[in-house]
Amino acid sequence: MGAFIDNELLRTIALANFGTIPFSKPNGKFLYFQKSEIDQWLIKNKSLSENSIKEKTQNYTLKKIEK
């Protein structure tokens, strides 16, 4: 369990250092993450399911045929 937490912590720090996830560092020492900003970041990087992709493809195709 400890190794898992360490890996996740290191990954989170790396994502913050690369500017991938939003964070603040008010005193220049500790990283702080605002839950609402992380939630928005997660939603922004959402992946579609296979069914959603098929549905969007079918809708796009039908719209092209109708024109």
N, C-alpha and C. Protein backbone atom coordinates (compact mmCIF):
# COMPACT_ATOMS: atom_id res chain seq x y z
N MET A 1 0.82 -1.19 0.00
CA MET A 1 0.00 0.00 0.00
C MET A 1 0.87 1.26 0.00
N GLY A 2 1.93 1.27 0.76
CA GLY A 2 2.79 2.44 0.84
C GLY A 2 3.42 2.78 -0.51
N ALA A 3 3.83 1.76 -1.26
CA ALA A 3 4.44 2.01 -2.57
C ALA A 3 3.42 2.61 -3.52
N PHE A 4 2.18 2.16 -3.43
CA PHE A 4 1.12 2.71 -4.28
C PHE A 4 0.92 4.19 -4.00
N ILE A 5 0.84 4.55 -2.74
CA ILE A 5 0.65 5.96 -2.37
C ILE A 5 1.85 6.79 -2.80
N ASP A 6 3.04 6.28 -2.61
CA ASP A 6 4.24 7.01 -3.03
C ASP A 6 4.24 7.24 -4.54
N ASN A 7 3.86 6.22 -5.32
CA ASN A 7 3.82 6.37 -6.77
C ASN A 7 2.78 7.39 -7.18
N GLU A 8 1.61 7.36 -6.56
CA GLU A 8 0.56 8.32 -6.88
C GLU A 8 0.98 9.74 -6.50
N LEU A 9 1.63 9.87 -5.38
CA LEU A 9 2.10 11.19 -4.94
C LEU A 9 3.14 11.72 -5.92
N LEU A 10 4.08 10.90 -6.31
CA LEU A 10 5.11 11.33 -7.26
C LEU A 10 4.50 11.68 -8.60
N ARG A 11 3.52 10.92 -9.04
CA ARG A 11 2.85 11.20 -10.31
C ARG A 11 2.10 12.53 -10.24
N THR A 12 1.43 12.79 -9.13
CA THR A 12 0.70 14.04 -8.95
C THR A 12 1.65 15.22 -8.95
N ILE A 13 2.75 15.10 -8.27
CA ILE A 13 3.75 16.17 -8.24
C ILE A 13 4.31 16.42 -9.64
N ALA A 14 4.57 15.35 -10.38
CA ALA A 14 5.09 15.49 -11.73
C ALA A 14 4.08 16.20 -12.63
N LEU A 15 2.80 15.81 -12.53
CA LEU A 15 1.76 16.47 -13.33
C LEU A 15 1.67 17.95 -13.00
N ALA A 16 1.80 18.28 -11.74
CA ALA A 16 1.77 19.69 -11.33
C ALA A 16 2.99 20.43 -11.85
N ASN A 17 4.16 19.84 -11.75
CA ASN A 17 5.39 20.49 -12.21
C ASN A 17 5.39 20.74 -13.71
N PHE A 18 4.77 19.85 -14.47
CA PHE A 18 4.68 20.02 -15.92
C PHE A 18 3.54 20.94 -16.32
N GLY A 19 2.77 21.41 -15.34
CA GLY A 19 1.66 22.31 -15.64
C GLY A 19 0.45 21.61 -16.20
N THR A 20 0.37 20.31 -16.01
CA THR A 20 -0.75 19.53 -16.55
C THR A 20 -2.00 19.70 -15.70
N ILE A 21 -1.84 19.71 -14.39
CA ILE A 21 -2.99 19.90 -13.51
C ILE A 21 -2.85 21.23 -12.77
N PRO A 22 -3.99 21.87 -12.47
CA PRO A 22 -3.93 23.17 -11.79
C PRO A 22 -3.56 23.02 -10.31
N PHE A 23 -2.73 23.93 -9.83
CA PHE A 23 -2.32 23.93 -8.43
C PHE A 23 -1.90 25.34 -8.03
N SER A 24 -1.75 25.55 -6.76
CA SER A 24 -1.18 26.81 -6.28
C SER A 24 -0.08 26.49 -5.28
N LYS A 25 0.82 27.43 -5.13
CA LYS A 25 1.95 27.27 -4.23
C LYS A 25 2.15 28.62 -3.53
N PRO A 26 1.22 28.96 -2.61
CA PRO A 26 1.19 30.32 -2.05
C PRO A 26 2.45 30.76 -1.31
N ASN A 27 3.09 29.89 -0.60
CA ASN A 27 4.29 30.27 0.15
C ASN A 27 5.56 29.73 -0.48
N GLY A 28 5.41 29.17 -1.67
CA GLY A 28 6.57 28.66 -2.38
C GLY A 28 7.09 27.33 -1.88
N LYS A 29 6.36 26.67 -0.99
CA LYS A 29 6.86 25.41 -0.45
C LYS A 29 5.92 24.24 -0.74
N PHE A 30 4.66 24.34 -0.36
CA PHE A 30 3.71 23.24 -0.50
C PHE A 30 2.79 23.46 -1.69
N LEU A 31 2.41 22.35 -2.33
CA LEU A 31 1.45 22.39 -3.42
C LEU A 31 0.05 22.27 -2.83
N TYR A 32 -0.86 23.10 -3.32
CA TYR A 32 -2.26 23.03 -2.92
C TYR A 32 -3.12 22.83 -4.16
N PHE A 33 -4.11 21.97 -4.02
CA PHE A 33 -5.01 21.66 -5.12
C PHE A 33 -6.42 22.02 -4.70
N GLN A 34 -7.11 22.79 -5.56
CA GLN A 34 -8.49 23.15 -5.28
C GLN A 34 -9.38 22.10 -5.93
N LYS A 35 -10.25 21.49 -5.14
CA LYS A 35 -11.08 20.39 -5.63
C LYS A 35 -11.88 20.79 -6.86
N SER A 36 -12.46 21.97 -6.86
CA SER A 36 -13.27 22.40 -8.01
C SER A 36 -12.43 22.50 -9.28
N GLU A 37 -11.18 22.97 -9.17
CA GLU A 37 -10.30 23.06 -10.34
C GLU A 37 -9.91 21.67 -10.85
N ILE A 38 -9.65 20.76 -9.93
CA ILE A 38 -9.30 19.39 -10.32
C ILE A 38 -10.50 18.72 -10.98
N ASP A 39 -11.70 18.93 -10.43
CA ASP A 39 -12.91 18.37 -11.03
C ASP A 39 -13.10 18.88 -12.45
N GLN A 40 -12.90 20.18 -12.68
CA GLN A 40 -13.02 20.75 -14.02
C GLN A 40 -11.96 20.17 -14.95
N TRP A 41 -10.76 19.99 -14.45
CA TRP A 41 -9.68 19.41 -15.25
C TRP A 41 -10.04 17.98 -15.65
N LEU A 42 -10.60 17.22 -14.73
CA LEU A 42 -10.97 15.84 -15.02
C LEU A 42 -12.07 15.78 -16.08
N ILE A 43 -13.04 16.66 -15.98
CA ILE A 43 -14.12 16.68 -16.96
C ILE A 43 -13.60 17.11 -18.33
N LYS A 44 -12.69 18.05 -18.35
CA LYS A 44 -12.13 18.55 -19.61
C LYS A 44 -11.41 17.45 -20.37
N ASN A 45 -10.80 16.53 -19.67
CA ASN A 45 -10.01 15.46 -20.30
C ASN A 45 -10.78 14.15 -20.37
N LYS A 46 -12.09 14.26 -20.50
CA LYS A 46 -12.96 13.08 -20.52
C LYS A 46 -12.78 12.29 -21.82
N SER A 47 -12.79 10.98 -21.71
CA SER A 47 -12.74 10.10 -22.87
C SER A 47 -14.14 9.54 -23.12
N LEU A 48 -14.50 9.45 -24.37
CA LEU A 48 -15.81 8.90 -24.72
C LEU A 48 -15.76 7.38 -24.71
N SER A 49 -16.89 6.78 -24.35
CA SER A 49 -16.98 5.32 -24.40
C SER A 49 -17.13 4.90 -25.87
N GLU A 50 -16.93 3.64 -26.11
CA GLU A 50 -17.04 3.11 -27.47
C GLU A 50 -18.46 3.33 -28.01
N ASN A 51 -19.47 3.13 -27.16
CA ASN A 51 -20.85 3.34 -27.59
C ASN A 51 -21.12 4.80 -27.93
N SER A 52 -20.57 5.73 -27.15
CA SER A 52 -20.75 7.15 -27.43
C SER A 52 -20.11 7.53 -28.76
N ILE A 53 -18.96 6.97 -29.04
CA ILE A 53 -18.27 7.26 -30.31
C ILE A 53 -19.10 6.73 -31.48
N LYS A 54 -19.62 5.51 -31.35
CA LYS A 54 -20.46 4.94 -32.41
C LYS A 54 -21.70 5.78 -32.64
N GLU A 55 -22.33 6.22 -31.56
CA GLU A 55 -23.53 7.04 -31.66
C GLU A 55 -23.23 8.37 -32.35
N LYS A 56 -22.15 9.02 -31.97
CA LYS A 56 -21.78 10.29 -32.60
C LYS A 56 -21.46 10.09 -34.08
N THR A 57 -20.80 8.98 -34.41
CA THR A 57 -20.47 8.69 -35.80
C THR A 57 -21.74 8.48 -36.61
N GLN A 58 -22.69 7.73 -36.07
CA GLN A 58 -23.95 7.49 -36.77
C GLN A 58 -24.72 8.80 -36.98
N ASN A 59 -24.78 9.63 -35.94
CA ASN A 59 -25.48 10.91 -36.07
C ASN A 59 -24.82 11.81 -37.11
N TYR A 60 -23.51 11.85 -37.12
CA TYR A 60 -22.76 12.65 -38.09
C TYR A 60 -23.04 12.15 -39.50
N THR A 61 -23.00 10.82 -39.68
CA THR A 61 -23.24 10.23 -40.99
C THR A 61 -24.65 10.53 -41.48
N LEU A 62 -25.64 10.40 -40.58
CA LEU A 62 -27.02 10.67 -40.96
C LEU A 62 -27.20 12.14 -41.37
N LYS A 63 -26.57 13.05 -40.66
CA LYS A 63 -26.66 14.48 -41.00
C LYS A 63 -26.04 14.75 -42.37
N LYS A 64 -24.94 14.09 -42.69
CA LYS A 64 -24.28 14.27 -43.99
C LYS A 64 -25.16 13.74 -45.11
N ILE A 65 -25.83 12.62 -44.87
CA ILE A 65 -26.69 12.00 -45.90
C ILE A 65 -27.90 12.90 -46.16
N GLU A 66 -28.44 13.51 -45.11
CA GLU A 66 -29.62 14.36 -45.23
C GLU A 66 -29.33 15.63 -46.03
N LYS A 67 -28.11 16.10 -46.04
CA LYS A 67 -27.76 17.34 -46.75
C LYS A 67 -27.65 17.07 -48.18
